[in-house]
C-alpha atoms as a PDB file:
ATOM      1  CA  MET A   1     139.710-110.181  15.521  1.00  0.00           C
ATOM      2  CA  SER A   2     138.481-109.377  12.034  1.00  0.00           C
ATOM      3  CA  GLU A   3     138.008-105.902  10.660  1.00  0.00           C
ATOM      4  CA  PRO A   4     138.016-104.091   7.315  1.00  0.00           C
ATOM      5  CA  GLU A   5     141.279-102.593   6.192  1.00  0.00           C
ATOM      6  CA  GLU A   6     140.033 -98.998   6.480  1.00  0.00           C
ATOM      7  CA  ILE A   7     139.428 -99.047  10.254  1.00  0.00           C
ATOM      8  CA  PRO A   8     142.010 -96.579  11.641  1.00  0.00           C
ATOM      9  CA  ALA A   9     144.607 -97.622  14.198  1.00  0.00           C
ATOM     10  CA  GLY A  10     143.193 -95.366  16.918  1.00  0.00           C
ATOM     11  CA  ALA A  11     139.748 -96.949  16.620  1.00  0.00           C
ATOM     12  CA  LEU A  12     141.249-100.446  16.690  1.00  0.00           C
ATOM     13  CA  SER A  13     143.277 -99.728  19.815  1.00  0.00           C
ATOM     14  CA  LEU A  14     140.202 -98.306  21.553  1.00  0.00           C
ATOM     15  CA  ALA A  15     138.177-101.407  20.649  1.00  0.00           C
ATOM     16  CA  GLN A  16     140.917-103.693  21.979  1.00  0.00           C
ATOM     17  CA  ARG A  17     141.025-101.725  25.217  1.00  0.00           C
ATOM     18  CA  LEU A  18     137.244-101.851  25.497  1.00  0.00           C
ATOM     19  CA  PHE A  19     136.923-105.571  24.745  1.00  0.00           C
ATOM     20  CA  PRO A  20     140.252-107.230  25.662  1.00  0.00           C
ATOM     21  CA  GLY A  21     140.553-110.760  24.411  1.00  0.00           C
ATOM     22  CA  ALA A  22     137.415-110.640  22.287  1.00  0.00           C
ATOM     23  CA  GLY A  23     137.431-113.423  19.723  1.00  0.00           C
ATOM     24  CA  SER A  24     136.051-111.389  16.827  1.00  0.00           C
ATOM     25  CA  LEU A  25     134.884-107.845  16.266  1.00  0.00           C
ATOM     26  CA  SER A  26     132.865-106.672  13.298  1.00  0.00           C
ATOM     27  CA  TRP A  27     132.541-103.035  12.266  1.00  0.00           C
ATOM     28  CA  HIS A  28     129.313-101.702  10.749  1.00  0.00           C
ATOM     29  CA  PRO A  29     129.447 -98.127   9.347  1.00  0.00           C
ATOM     30  CA  LEU A  30     126.678 -95.900  10.700  1.00  0.00           C
ATOM     31  CA  GLY A  31     127.616 -92.681   8.962  1.00  0.00           C
ATOM     32  CA  SER A  32     130.408 -90.441   7.849  1.00  0.00           C
ATOM     33  CA  GLY A  33     131.001 -86.807   7.149  1.00  0.00           C
ATOM     34  CA  GLY A  34     133.809 -84.379   6.467  1.00  0.00           C
ATOM     35  CA  ILE A  35     135.219 -84.652  10.003  1.00  0.00           C
ATOM     36  CA  SER A  36     133.544 -87.691  11.599  1.00  0.00           C
ATOM     37  CA  ARG A  37     133.100 -91.403  10.985  1.00  0.00           C
ATOM     38  CA  VAL A  38     130.919 -93.707  13.089  1.00  0.00           C
ATOM     39  CA  TRP A  39     130.781 -97.502  13.413  1.00  0.00           C
ATOM     40  CA  ARG A  40     128.646 -99.932  15.397  1.00  0.00           C
ATOM     41  CA  LEU A  41     131.054-102.435  16.912  1.00  0.00           C
ATOM     42  CA  VAL A  42     129.666-105.950  17.389  1.00  0.00           C
ATOM     43  CA  VAL A  43     131.495-108.502  19.551  1.00  0.00           C
ATOM     44  CA  GLY A  44     131.009-111.880  17.925  1.00  0.00           C
ATOM     45  CA  ASP A  45     131.190-114.073  20.999  1.00  0.00           C
ATOM     46  CA  ARG A  46     129.406-111.564  23.254  1.00  0.00           C
ATOM     47  CA  PRO A  47     126.500-110.271  21.149  1.00  0.00           C
ATOM     48  CA  ALA A  48     125.134-108.060  23.944  1.00  0.00           C
ATOM     49  CA  ALA A  49     128.464-106.278  24.446  1.00  0.00           C
ATOM     50  CA  ASN A  50     128.225-103.790  21.605  1.00  0.00           C
ATOM     51  CA  ALA A  51     129.415-100.198  21.337  1.00  0.00           C
ATOM     52  CA  VAL A  52     129.451 -97.285  18.942  1.00  0.00           C
ATOM     53  CA  ILE A  53     132.869 -95.942  17.968  1.00  0.00           C
ATOM     54  CA  LYS A  54     133.015 -92.348  16.745  1.00  0.00           C
ATOM     55  CA  GLU A  55     136.026 -90.723  15.101  1.00  0.00           C
ATOM     56  CA  THR A  56     136.189 -86.932  15.226  1.00  0.00           C
ATOM     57  CA  GLY A  57     138.925 -84.959  13.506  1.00  0.00           C
ATOM     58  CA  SER A  58     140.126 -81.479  14.377  1.00  0.00           C
ATOM     59  CA  VAL A  59     138.743 -78.253  12.933  1.00  0.00           C
ATOM     60  CA  GLY A  60     141.321 -75.519  12.505  1.00  0.00           C
ATOM     61  CA  SER A  61     138.984 -72.668  13.386  1.00  0.00           C
ATOM     62  CA  ASP A  62     137.705 -74.459  16.504  1.00  0.00           C
ATOM     63  CA  PRO A  63     140.589 -75.704  18.689  1.00  0.00           C
ATOM     64  CA  ASP A  64     138.242 -77.400  21.189  1.00  0.00           C
ATOM     65  CA  PHE A  65     136.253 -79.324  18.571  1.00  0.00           C
ATOM     66  CA  VAL A  66     138.129 -82.616  18.859  1.00  0.00           C
ATOM     67  CA  ARG A  67     137.680 -82.712  22.660  1.00  0.00           C
ATOM     68  CA  ARG A  68     134.274 -81.065  23.115  1.00  0.00           C
ATOM     69  CA  GLU A  69     132.027 -84.076  22.699  1.00  0.00           C
ATOM     70  CA  ALA A  70     134.045 -86.237  25.090  1.00  0.00           C
ATOM     71  CA  ALA A  71     133.976 -83.396  27.641  1.00  0.00           C
ATOM     72  CA  ALA A  72     130.200 -83.068  27.226  1.00  0.00           C
ATOM     73  CA  TYR A  73     129.618 -86.789  27.765  1.00  0.00           C
ATOM     74  CA  ARG A  74     131.990 -86.913  30.720  1.00  0.00           C
ATOM     75  CA  ASP A  75     131.386 -83.611  32.518  1.00  0.00           C
ATOM     76  CA  VAL A  76     127.875 -82.369  31.702  1.00  0.00           C
ATOM     77  CA  LEU A  77     125.444 -84.919  30.310  1.00  0.00           C
ATOM     78  CA  PRO A  78     125.452 -87.275  33.337  1.00  0.00           C
ATOM     79  CA  ARG A  79     124.104 -84.328  35.368  1.00  0.00           C
ATOM     80  CA  LEU A  80     121.063 -83.905  33.136  1.00  0.00           C
ATOM     81  CA  GLY A  81     117.833 -85.889  33.151  1.00  0.00           C
ATOM     82  CA  ILE A  82     117.870 -86.612  29.426  1.00  0.00           C
ATOM     83  CA  ARG A  83     118.690 -89.839  27.606  1.00  0.00           C
ATOM     84  CA  THR A  84     122.044 -89.869  25.865  1.00  0.00           C
ATOM     85  CA  PRO A  85     124.649 -92.598  25.302  1.00  0.00           C
ATOM     86  CA  ARG A  86     127.040 -93.295  28.147  1.00  0.00           C
ATOM     87  CA  LEU A  87     130.697 -92.605  27.382  1.00  0.00           C
ATOM     88  CA  LEU A  88     132.497 -95.941  27.790  1.00  0.00           C
ATOM     89  CA  ASP A  89     136.011 -94.806  26.921  1.00  0.00           C
ATOM     90  CA  SER A  90     137.877 -92.335  24.728  1.00  0.00           C
ATOM     91  CA  VAL A  91     141.368 -91.860  23.356  1.00  0.00           C
ATOM     92  CA  GLU A  92     143.236 -89.307  21.264  1.00  0.00           C
ATOM     93  CA  HIS A  93     145.361 -90.523  18.388  1.00  0.00           C
ATOM     94  CA  GLY A  94     147.280 -87.680  16.799  1.00  0.00           C
ATOM     95  CA  ASP A  95     144.792 -84.895  16.063  1.00  0.00           C
ATOM     96  CA  VAL A  96     141.815 -87.280  16.124  1.00  0.00           C
ATOM     97  CA  ARG A  97     139.612 -88.238  19.078  1.00  0.00           C
ATOM     98  CA  TYR A  98     137.904 -91.636  19.279  1.00  0.00           C
ATOM     99  CA  LEU A  99     134.875 -92.136  21.497  1.00  0.00           C
ATOM    100  CA  ALA A 100     133.400 -95.464  22.589  1.00  0.00           C
ATOM    101  CA  LEU A 101     129.736 -94.889  23.353  1.00  0.00           C
ATOM    102  CA  GLU A 102     126.847 -96.974  24.595  1.00  0.00           C
ATOM    103  CA  ASP A 103     124.944 -98.498  21.668  1.00  0.00           C
ATOM    104  CA  LEU A 104     121.346 -97.209  21.717  1.00  0.00           C
ATOM    105  CA  THR A 105     120.270 -98.681  18.375  1.00  0.00           C
ATOM    106  CA  THR A 106     118.495-101.693  19.904  1.00  0.00           C
ATOM    107  CA  GLY A 107     116.114 -99.476  21.884  1.00  0.00           C
ATOM    108  CA  TYR A 108     115.880 -96.397  19.676  1.00  0.00           C
ATOM    109  CA  GLY A 109     115.409 -95.764  15.990  1.00  0.00           C
ATOM    110  CA  PHE A 110     117.393 -92.945  14.390  1.00  0.00           C
ATOM    111  CA  PRO A 111     115.678 -91.463  11.293  1.00  0.00           C
ATOM    112  CA  ALA A 112     117.513 -90.780   8.056  1.00  0.00           C
ATOM    113  CA  GLU A 113     118.946 -87.294   7.508  1.00  0.00           C
ATOM    114  CA  ASP A 114     116.167 -86.455   5.021  1.00  0.00           C
ATOM    115  CA  HIS A 115     113.339 -87.560   7.342  1.00  0.00           C
ATOM    116  CA  ARG A 116     110.342 -85.224   7.713  1.00  0.00           C
ATOM    117  CA  TRP A 117     109.157 -84.804  11.295  1.00  0.00           C
ATOM    118  CA  THR A 118     105.548 -85.458  12.225  1.00  0.00           C
ATOM    119  CA  LEU A 119     103.776 -83.537  14.964  1.00  0.00           C
ATOM    120  CA  ASP A 120     103.688 -86.695  17.093  1.00  0.00           C
ATOM    121  CA  GLU A 121     107.473 -86.981  16.773  1.00  0.00           C
ATOM    122  CA  PHE A 122     107.846 -83.363  17.878  1.00  0.00           C
ATOM    123  CA  ARG A 123     105.679 -84.192  20.897  1.00  0.00           C
ATOM    124  CA  CYS A 124     108.062 -87.078  21.566  1.00  0.00           C
ATOM    125  CA  PHE A 125     111.362 -85.215  21.580  1.00  0.00           C
ATOM    126  CA  LEU A 126     110.459 -81.656  22.608  1.00  0.00           C
ATOM    127  CA  PRO A 127     110.257 -82.679  26.303  1.00  0.00           C
ATOM    128  CA  GLY A 128     113.903 -83.774  26.034  1.00  0.00           C
ATOM    129  CA  TYR A 129     114.781 -80.347  24.665  1.00  0.00           C
ATOM    130  CA  ALA A 130     112.910 -78.662  27.519  1.00  0.00           C
ATOM    131  CA  HIS A 131     114.715 -80.823  30.103  1.00  0.00           C
ATOM    132  CA  LEU A 132     118.067 -79.938  28.537  1.00  0.00           C
ATOM    133  CA  HIS A 133     117.359 -76.213  28.675  1.00  0.00           C
ATOM    134  CA  VAL A 134     115.890 -76.127  32.199  1.00  0.00           C
ATOM    135  CA  GLU A 135     118.515 -78.351  33.807  1.00  0.00           C
ATOM    136  CA  GLY A 136     121.349 -76.962  31.693  1.00  0.00           C
ATOM    137  CA  ARG A 137     120.985 -73.567  33.339  1.00  0.00           C
ATOM    138  CA  GLU A 138     121.834 -75.127  36.690  1.00  0.00           C
ATOM    139  CA  VAL A 139     124.799 -77.075  35.351  1.00  0.00           C
ATOM    140  CA  GLY A 140     126.322 -73.898  33.928  1.00  0.00           C
ATOM    141  CA  ARG A 141     128.760 -73.008  31.195  1.00  0.00           C
ATOM    142  CA  ARG A 142     132.126 -74.725  30.660  1.00  0.00           C
ATOM    143  CA  PRO A 143     135.187 -73.151  28.978  1.00  0.00           C
ATOM    144  CA  TRP A 144     135.136 -75.683  26.131  1.00  0.00           C
ATOM    145  CA  MET A 145     131.556 -74.895  25.118  1.00  0.00           C
ATOM    146  CA  LEU A 146     130.805 -72.832  22.043  1.00  0.00           C
ATOM    147  CA  GLU A 147     129.486 -69.361  22.855  1.00  0.00           C
ATOM    148  CA  TYR A 148     126.276 -68.757  20.920  1.00  0.00           C
ATOM    149  CA  GLY A 149     125.733 -65.326  22.431  1.00  0.00           C
ATOM    150  CA  GLN A 150     128.821 -63.925  20.703  1.00  0.00           C
ATOM    151  CA  PRO A 151     128.306 -63.171  16.985  1.00  0.00           C
ATOM    152  CA  THR A 152     130.857 -64.561  14.558  1.00  0.00           C
ATOM    153  CA  TRP A 153     129.508 -62.446  11.696  1.00  0.00           C
ATOM    154  CA  SER A 154     129.066 -58.776  10.871  1.00  0.00           C
ATOM    155  CA  PRO A 155     126.146 -57.114   9.057  1.00  0.00           C
ATOM    156  CA  ASP A 156     128.429 -55.826   6.303  1.00  0.00           C
ATOM    157  CA  ALA A 157     130.006 -59.243   5.697  1.00  0.00           C
ATOM    158  CA  VAL A 158     126.648 -61.039   5.608  1.00  0.00           C
ATOM    159  CA  SER A 159     125.200 -58.492   3.172  1.00  0.00           C
ATOM    160  CA  SER A 160     128.222 -58.797   0.892  1.00  0.00           C
ATOM    161  CA  GLN A 161     128.131 -62.611   0.928  1.00  0.00           C
ATOM    162  CA  ALA A 162     124.392 -62.678   0.152  1.00  0.00           C
ATOM    163  CA  LEU A 163     124.939 -60.302  -2.771  1.00  0.00           C
ATOM    164  CA  ASP A 164     127.743 -62.527  -4.044  1.00  0.00           C
ATOM    165  CA  LEU A 165     125.486 -65.605  -3.900  1.00  0.00           C
ATOM    166  CA  ALA A 166     122.882 -63.666  -5.899  1.00  0.00           C
ATOM    167  CA  ARG A 167     125.529 -62.581  -8.438  1.00  0.00           C
ATOM    168  CA  LEU A 168     126.563 -66.232  -8.828  1.00  0.00           C
ATOM    169  CA  GLY A 169     122.961 -67.235  -9.493  1.00  0.00           C
ATOM    170  CA  ILE A 170     122.741 -69.317  -6.310  1.00  0.00           C
ATOM    171  CA  TRP A 171     120.204 -67.020  -4.625  1.00  0.00           C
ATOM    172  CA  GLY A 172     117.835 -64.298  -5.703  1.00  0.00           C
ATOM    173  CA  ASP A 173     117.890 -60.765  -4.344  1.00  0.00           C
ATOM    174  CA  LEU A 174     117.153 -60.184  -0.656  1.00  0.00           C
ATOM    175  CA  PRO A 175     116.161 -56.502  -0.399  1.00  0.00           C
ATOM    176  CA  GLY A 176     116.291 -55.242   3.167  1.00  0.00           C
ATOM    177  CA  LEU A 177     118.795 -57.866   4.338  1.00  0.00           C
ATOM    178  CA  SER A 178     121.383 -55.262   5.338  1.00  0.00           C
ATOM    179  CA  ALA A 179     118.908 -53.428   7.588  1.00  0.00           C
ATOM    180  CA  MET A 180     117.689 -56.685   9.157  1.00  0.00           C
ATOM    181  CA  ALA A 181     121.266 -57.765   9.794  1.00  0.00           C
ATOM    182  CA  ARG A 182     122.119 -54.503  11.543  1.00  0.00           C
ATOM    183  CA  ARG A 183     118.987 -54.705  13.702  1.00  0.00           C
ATOM    184  CA  ALA A 184     119.523 -58.353  14.623  1.00  0.00           C
ATOM    185  CA  PHE A 185     123.169 -57.684  15.465  1.00  0.00           C
ATOM    186  CA  GLU A 186     122.096 -54.933  17.859  1.00  0.00           C
ATOM    187  CA  GLU A 187     119.237 -56.950  19.384  1.00  0.00           C
ATOM    188  CA  LEU A 188     121.315 -60.062  20.034  1.00  0.00           C
ATOM    189  CA  ALA A 189     122.302 -58.789  23.481  1.00  0.00           C
ATOM    190  CA  SER A 190     118.613 -58.683  24.466  1.00  0.00           C
ATOM    191  CA  LEU A 191     118.423 -62.490  24.397  1.00  0.00           C
ATOM    192  CA  ASP A 192     119.584 -62.717  27.996  1.00  0.00           C
ATOM    193  CA  GLY A 193     118.168 -64.177  31.182  1.00  0.00           C
ATOM    194  CA  LEU A 194     117.558 -67.721  29.904  1.00  0.00           C
ATOM    195  CA  ASP A 195     121.053 -68.803  28.839  1.00  0.00           C
ATOM    196  CA  THR A 196     121.599 -72.541  29.063  1.00  0.00           C
ATOM    197  CA  ILE A 197     123.365 -75.517  27.520  1.00  0.00           C
ATOM    198  CA  LEU A 198     122.500 -75.906  23.821  1.00  0.00           C
ATOM    199  CA  HIS A 199     122.772 -78.890  21.509  1.00  0.00           C
ATOM    200  CA  LEU A 200     122.530 -76.909  18.232  1.00  0.00           C
ATOM    201  CA  ASP A 201     122.568 -79.991  16.000  1.00  0.00           C
ATOM    202  CA  VAL A 202     119.174 -81.647  16.506  1.00  0.00           C
ATOM    203  CA  HIS A 203     118.355 -82.850  13.017  1.00  0.00           C
ATOM    204  CA  PRO A 204     116.552 -86.186  12.523  1.00  0.00           C
ATOM    205  CA  SER A 205     119.560 -88.509  12.496  1.00  0.00           C
ATOM    206  CA  ASN A 206     120.691 -87.125  15.873  1.00  0.00           C
ATOM    207  CA  VAL A 207     117.369 -87.914  17.581  1.00  0.00           C
ATOM    208  CA  GLY A 208     116.648 -91.467  18.670  1.00  0.00           C
ATOM    209  CA  LEU A 209     112.946 -92.278  18.993  1.00  0.00           C
ATOM    210  CA  ARG A 210     112.154 -95.145  21.360  1.00  0.00           C
ATOM    211  CA  HIS A 211     110.823 -98.240  19.606  1.00  0.00           C
ATOM    212  CA  ALA A 212     108.308 -99.124  22.308  1.00  0.00           C
ATOM    213  CA  PRO A 213     105.672 -96.814  23.787  1.00  0.00           C
ATOM    214  CA  PRO A 214     105.520 -94.511  25.575  1.00  0.00           C
ATOM    215  CA  CYS A 215     107.558 -92.412  23.198  1.00  0.00           C
ATOM    216  CA  ARG A 216     110.861 -91.134  24.564  1.00  0.00           C
ATOM    217  CA  CYS A 217     113.868 -89.636  22.814  1.00  0.00           C
ATOM    218  CA  ALA A 218     117.633 -89.890  23.066  1.00  0.00           C
ATOM    219  CA  LEU A 219     119.898 -87.088  21.837  1.00  0.00           C
ATOM    220  CA  ILE A 220     123.290 -87.895  20.334  1.00  0.00           C
ATOM    221  CA  ASP A 221     126.166 -85.975  18.685  1.00  0.00           C
ATOM    222  CA  TRP A 222     127.202 -83.296  21.165  1.00  0.00           C
ATOM    223  CA  ASP A 223     130.187 -81.849  19.280  1.00  0.00           C
ATOM    224  CA  MET A 224     128.359 -78.521  18.854  1.00  0.00           C
ATOM    225  CA  THR A 225     127.525 -78.213  22.570  1.00  0.00           C
ATOM    226  CA  GLY A 226     127.375 -74.556  23.505  1.00  0.00           C
ATOM    227  CA  TRP A 227     125.938 -71.914  25.771  1.00  0.00           C
ATOM    228  CA  GLY A 228     123.320 -69.329  24.893  1.00  0.00           C
ATOM    229  CA  ALA A 229     119.621 -68.558  24.553  1.00  0.00           C
ATOM    230  CA  PRO A 230     117.388 -71.647  24.174  1.00  0.00           C
ATOM    231  CA  GLU A 231     115.657 -69.953  21.241  1.00  0.00           C
ATOM    232  CA  PHE A 232     118.724 -70.759  19.109  1.00  0.00           C
ATOM    233  CA  ASP A 233     118.015 -74.489  19.482  1.00  0.00           C
ATOM    234  CA  LEU A 234     114.398 -73.763  18.553  1.00  0.00           C
ATOM    235  CA  ALA A 235     115.559 -71.726  15.550  1.00  0.00           C
ATOM    236  CA  TYR A 236     117.558 -74.707  14.261  1.00  0.00           C
ATOM    237  CA  LEU A 237     114.447 -76.904  14.446  1.00  0.00           C
ATOM    238  CA  ASP A 238     112.838 -74.640  11.851  1.00  0.00           C
ATOM    239  CA  ILE A 239     115.704 -74.549   9.346  1.00  0.00           C
ATOM    240  CA  GLN A 240     117.280 -77.906   8.677  1.00  0.00           C
ATOM    241  CA  PRO A 241     119.078 -79.021   5.543  1.00  0.00           C
ATOM    242  CA  PHE A 242     116.401 -81.386   4.212  1.00  0.00           C
ATOM    243  CA  GLY A 243     113.364 -79.485   5.459  1.00  0.00           C
ATOM    244  CA  ALA A 244     112.654 -81.809   8.382  1.00  0.00           C
ATOM    245  CA  SER A 245     110.034 -79.505   9.917  1.00  0.00           C
ATOM    246  CA  LEU A 246     108.204 -78.535   6.708  1.00  0.00           C
ATOM    247  CA  GLY A 247     104.497 -79.170   6.987  1.00  0.00           C
ATOM    248  CA  VAL A 248     104.340 -78.974  10.781  1.00  0.00           C
ATOM    249  CA  ASP A 249     102.751 -75.911  12.409  1.00  0.00           C
ATOM    250  CA  ARG A 250     105.681 -74.104  14.003  1.00  0.00           C
ATOM    251  CA  GLU A 251     103.553 -72.095  16.418  1.00  0.00           C
ATOM    252  CA  LEU A 252     102.166 -75.343  17.763  1.00  0.00           C
ATOM    253  CA  VAL A 253     105.687 -76.769  18.102  1.00  0.00           C
ATOM    254  CA  LEU A 254     106.811 -73.718  20.082  1.00  0.00           C
ATOM    255  CA  ASP A 255     103.706 -73.920  22.259  1.00  0.00           C
ATOM    256  CA  ILE A 256     104.408 -77.586  23.073  1.00  0.00           C
ATOM    257  CA  TYR A 257     107.975 -76.701  24.043  1.00  0.00           C
ATOM    258  CA  TRP A 258     107.061 -73.771  26.324  1.00  0.00           C
ATOM    259  CA  ARG A 259     104.243 -75.712  27.982  1.00  0.00           C
ATOM    260  CA  GLU A 260     106.765 -78.413  28.848  1.00  0.00           C
ATOM    261  CA  ARG A 261     109.165 -75.748  30.179  1.00  0.00           C
ATOM    262  CA  GLU A 262     106.365 -74.467  32.371  1.00  0.00           C
ATOM    263  CA  ARG A 263     105.534 -77.985  33.604  1.00  0.00           C
ATOM    264  CA  LEU A 264     109.181 -78.467  34.594  1.00  0.00           C
ATOM    265  CA  GLY A 265     109.181 -75.223  36.547  1.00  0.00           C
ATOM    266  CA  GLY A 266     111.449 -73.399  34.110  1.00  0.00           C
ATOM    267  CA  ALA A 267     111.268 -69.689  33.346  1.00  0.00           C
ATOM    268  CA  VAL A 268     108.603 -68.945  30.724  1.00  0.00           C
ATOM    269  CA  PRO A 269     108.381 -65.368  29.352  1.00  0.00           C
ATOM    270  CA  ALA A 270     105.026 -63.870  28.461  1.00  0.00           C
ATOM    271  CA  ALA A 271     103.726 -64.658  24.972  1.00  0.00           C
ATOM    272  CA  ALA A 272     104.699 -61.310  23.419  1.00  0.00           C
ATOM    273  CA  GLU A 273     108.213 -61.554  24.828  1.00  0.00           C
ATOM    274  CA  ARG A 274     108.556 -65.150  23.646  1.00  0.00           C
ATOM    275  CA  ASN A 275     107.615 -64.056  20.136  1.00  0.00           C
ATOM    276  CA  ARG A 276     110.089 -61.177  20.186  1.00  0.00           C
ATOM    277  CA  ARG A 277     112.929 -63.351  21.467  1.00  0.00           C
ATOM    278  CA  GLN A 278     112.227 -66.053  18.905  1.00  0.00           C
ATOM    279  CA  ARG A 279     112.172 -63.515  16.059  1.00  0.00           C
ATOM    280  CA  VAL A 280     115.591 -62.232  17.077  1.00  0.00           C
ATOM    281  CA  ALA A 281     116.978 -65.758  17.452  1.00  0.00           C
ATOM    282  CA  ASP A 282     115.559 -66.804  14.069  1.00  0.00           C
ATOM    283  CA  GLU A 283     117.181 -63.818  12.386  1.00  0.00           C
ATOM    284  CA  VAL A 284     120.543 -64.210  14.120  1.00  0.00           C
ATOM    285  CA  PHE A 285     120.683 -67.948  13.457  1.00  0.00           C
ATOM    286  CA  ALA A 286     119.817 -67.594   9.766  1.00  0.00           C
ATOM    287  CA  LEU A 287     122.254 -64.703   9.285  1.00  0.00           C
ATOM    288  CA  ALA A 288     125.053 -66.677  10.962  1.00  0.00           C
ATOM    289  CA  LEU A 289     124.583 -69.427   8.361  1.00  0.00           C
ATOM    290  CA  VAL A 290     125.072 -67.076   5.398  1.00  0.00           C
ATOM    291  CA  SER A 291     128.863 -67.117   5.671  1.00  0.00           C
ATOM    292  CA  VAL A 292     128.912 -70.940   5.790  1.00  0.00           C
ATOM    293  CA  ALA A 293     126.566 -71.130   2.796  1.00  0.00           C
ATOM    294  CA  HIS A 294     128.844 -68.724   0.908  1.00  0.00           C
ATOM    295  CA  ARG A 295     131.957 -70.709   1.806  1.00  0.00           C
ATOM    296  CA  SER A 296     130.287 -73.932   0.602  1.00  0.00           C
ATOM    297  CA  VAL A 297     130.045 -72.323  -2.857  1.00  0.00           C
ATOM    298  CA  VAL A 298     133.429 -70.632  -3.165  1.00  0.00           C
ATOM    299  CA  GLN A 299     135.271 -73.503  -1.416  1.00  0.00           C
ATOM    300  CA  PRO A 300     133.060 -76.478  -2.344  1.00  0.00           C
ATOM    301  CA  TYR A 301     133.142 -79.745  -0.462  1.00  0.00           C
ATOM    302  CA  ALA A 302     134.023 -82.955  -2.282  1.00  0.00           C
ATOM    303  CA  GLY A 303     131.199 -84.028  -4.550  1.00  0.00           C
ATOM    304  CA  GLY A 304     128.915 -86.598  -2.938  1.00  0.00           C
ATOM    305  CA  SER A 305     130.301 -86.031   0.548  1.00  0.00           C
ATOM    306  CA  LYS A 306     127.955 -85.527   3.494  1.00  0.00           C
ATOM    307  CA  PRO A 307     128.859 -81.801   3.863  1.00  0.00           C
ATOM    308  CA  ALA A 308     128.257 -81.301   0.122  1.00  0.00           C
ATOM    309  CA  ARG A 309     124.837 -82.970   0.307  1.00  0.00           C
ATOM    310  CA  TYR A 310     124.035 -80.966   3.437  1.00  0.00           C
ATOM    311  CA  TRP A 311     124.791 -77.572   1.915  1.00  0.00           C
ATOM    312  CA  ASN A 312     123.330 -78.351  -1.503  1.00  0.00           C
ATOM    313  CA  ALA A 313     120.066 -78.970   0.341  1.00  0.00           C
ATOM    314  CA  MET A 314     120.474 -76.185   2.911  1.00  0.00           C
ATOM    315  CA  ARG A 315     121.273 -73.222   0.630  1.00  0.00           C
ATOM    316  CA  PRO A 316     117.821 -72.938  -1.006  1.00  0.00           C
ATOM    317  CA  LEU A 317     116.083 -73.499   2.337  1.00  0.00           C
ATOM    318  CA  LEU A 318     118.219 -70.804   3.946  1.00  0.00           C
ATOM    319  CA  PHE A 319     117.339 -68.380   1.147  1.00  0.00           C
ATOM    320  CA  GLU A 320     113.622 -69.076   1.628  1.00  0.00           C
ATOM    321  CA  LYS A 321     113.981 -68.617   5.393  1.00  0.00           C
ATOM    322  CA  LEU A 322     115.738 -65.263   4.993  1.00  0.00           C
ATOM    323  CA  ASN A 323     113.163 -64.149   2.440  1.00  0.00           C
ATOM    324  CA  GLY A 324     110.384 -65.109   4.833  1.00  0.00           C
ATOM    325  CA  LEU A 325     112.010 -63.227   7.716  1.00  0.00           C
ATOM    326  CA  LEU A 326     112.265 -60.133   5.539  1.00  0.00           C
ATOM    327  CA  THR A 327     108.637 -60.216   4.435  1.00  0.00           C
ATOM    328  CA  ARG A 328     106.804 -61.224   7.595  1.00  0.00           C
END
């Protein structure tokens, strides 16, 4: 077996358990971030027997983080009619979890993190989103899921953090933010009746687009799996760190999604109610990101790291989104 020196012991032991007696294994980095590293594992003498190995570290404020993705792959995703990698094996090594996942890279292309979606690509993956949200209601909530119906922010804190970002010259003024935050906080409870499983991390590099027609998608990276209103997933589609959805008519995107929900037999509110619910979700989602944007300034990530690149790109987009919500 040959491998670079930096491959951690937990990943090596998982690979040996997955491919016992393999003559040679080569490790190809697919990505890395502040808490995750990913490799494509190629078995030299069995070229078809590949896997993706993902390393996920713990997050102090989220005790279930290190186990959530494995639980999603094992307990929930096989019950849903959407394409995701199969979980081949997993192991914990200290406070780190290693997952061995089916390799989808031969059948699906995964765009770069700064990819800009086209309308045709939205048409390709929105049906997967609709399937997730319709079928996820039947599967139900699990204790390890994040709860997106419970706010982790307060109007006063968000207002103070936004003012601090303006004082630091990161943002401009956002007049009316305090009033919007109080209203959104109060209206959050009205986003009921459609709660379902949420992905909450569908940016381009987490969406595999099938190489061959007809277009199909595969969703990966389920470490943010949660429970709440489907409009939160739709809100994330409109505010992504590198502006993935810029230039695509959002009303058309939402219409494609709800038409697919209707085709699947899912609950579809009337147009006015859909608009109201989406406004609330857009406001709540954007406001929830303010504290993370503020933390990325006062406690900066290592220069050049994936989280640093993410938030350097996201902060101005978040400001523009909040400004747009205040003036619409």
